[in-house]
């Protein structure tokens, strides 16, 4: 089972490691800042297309972000 809170913590950590704002990441991935916020606080899990965009942006595998 995928835990949205754990995924959110990973996404937040990845963004903080790069010193990027939510706006930076959202624009680069073609999503809204509010959607990214929901992912980072664990309120929503991104659909597969967005998982791919985020993993490409952070240069991490989908598995390491969303399924470990």
Protein backbone atom coordinates (compact mmCIF):
# COMPACT_ATOMS: atom_id res chain seq x y z
CA UNK A 1 0.00 0.00 0.00
CA UNK A 2 1.26 3.45 -0.90
CA UNK A 3 1.39 5.86 2.03
CA UNK A 4 0.62 9.40 0.84
CA UNK A 5 2.31 10.96 3.89
CA UNK A 6 5.58 9.09 3.24
CA UNK A 7 5.50 10.08 -0.43
CA UNK A 8 4.86 13.68 0.59
CA UNK A 9 7.85 13.67 2.93
CA UNK A 10 10.08 12.30 0.16
CA UNK A 11 8.87 14.91 -2.34
CA UNK A 12 9.41 17.71 0.16
CA UNK A 13 12.90 16.45 1.00
CA UNK A 14 13.83 16.21 -2.69
CA UNK A 15 12.65 19.76 -3.33
CA UNK A 16 14.44 21.11 -0.25
CA UNK A 17 17.66 19.32 -1.25
CA UNK A 18 17.63 21.32 -4.49
CA UNK A 19 16.65 24.58 -2.77
CA UNK A 20 13.72 24.97 -5.14
CA UNK A 21 10.40 26.64 -4.46
CA UNK A 22 7.10 24.88 -5.03
CA UNK A 23 6.55 27.28 -7.91
CA UNK A 24 9.85 26.23 -9.54
CA UNK A 25 8.99 22.53 -9.37
CA UNK A 26 5.35 22.96 -10.34
CA UNK A 27 6.20 25.02 -13.42
CA UNK A 28 8.93 22.61 -14.51
CA UNK A 29 6.55 19.66 -14.17
CA UNK A 30 3.52 21.35 -15.69
CA UNK A 31 1.35 21.12 -12.58
CA UNK A 32 -0.21 23.69 -10.28
CA UNK A 33 1.45 24.82 -7.08
CA UNK A 34 -1.66 23.72 -5.20
CA UNK A 35 -1.38 20.19 -6.64
CA UNK A 36 2.28 19.97 -5.62
CA UNK A 37 1.37 21.23 -2.16
CA UNK A 38 -1.27 18.50 -1.82
CA UNK A 39 1.30 15.86 -2.85
CA UNK A 40 3.89 17.19 -0.39
CA UNK A 41 1.52 17.29 2.58
CA UNK A 42 0.24 13.82 1.80
CA UNK A 43 -3.31 14.77 0.89
CA UNK A 44 -3.11 13.37 -2.64
CA UNK A 45 -1.00 10.92 -4.61
CA UNK A 46 -0.08 12.05 -8.13
CA UNK A 47 -1.42 10.15 -11.11
CA UNK A 48 1.09 8.09 -13.07
CA UNK A 49 1.85 10.79 -15.65
CA UNK A 50 2.78 13.24 -12.89
CA UNK A 51 4.84 10.60 -11.07
CA UNK A 52 6.92 10.30 -14.25
CA UNK A 53 7.37 14.07 -14.53
CA UNK A 54 8.40 14.41 -10.89
CA UNK A 55 10.83 11.50 -11.06
CA UNK A 56 12.41 12.95 -14.20
CA UNK A 57 12.68 16.38 -12.59
CA UNK A 58 14.35 15.00 -9.47
CA UNK A 59 16.40 12.45 -11.46
CA UNK A 60 15.18 9.65 -9.19
CA UNK A 61 13.38 6.43 -10.03
CA UNK A 62 9.63 6.29 -9.69
CA UNK A 63 10.08 3.32 -7.37
CA UNK A 64 12.41 5.17 -5.01
CA UNK A 65 10.00 8.10 -4.65
CA UNK A 66 6.61 6.44 -4.71
CA UNK A 67 6.92 2.75 -3.86
CA UNK A 68 9.72 2.13 -1.33
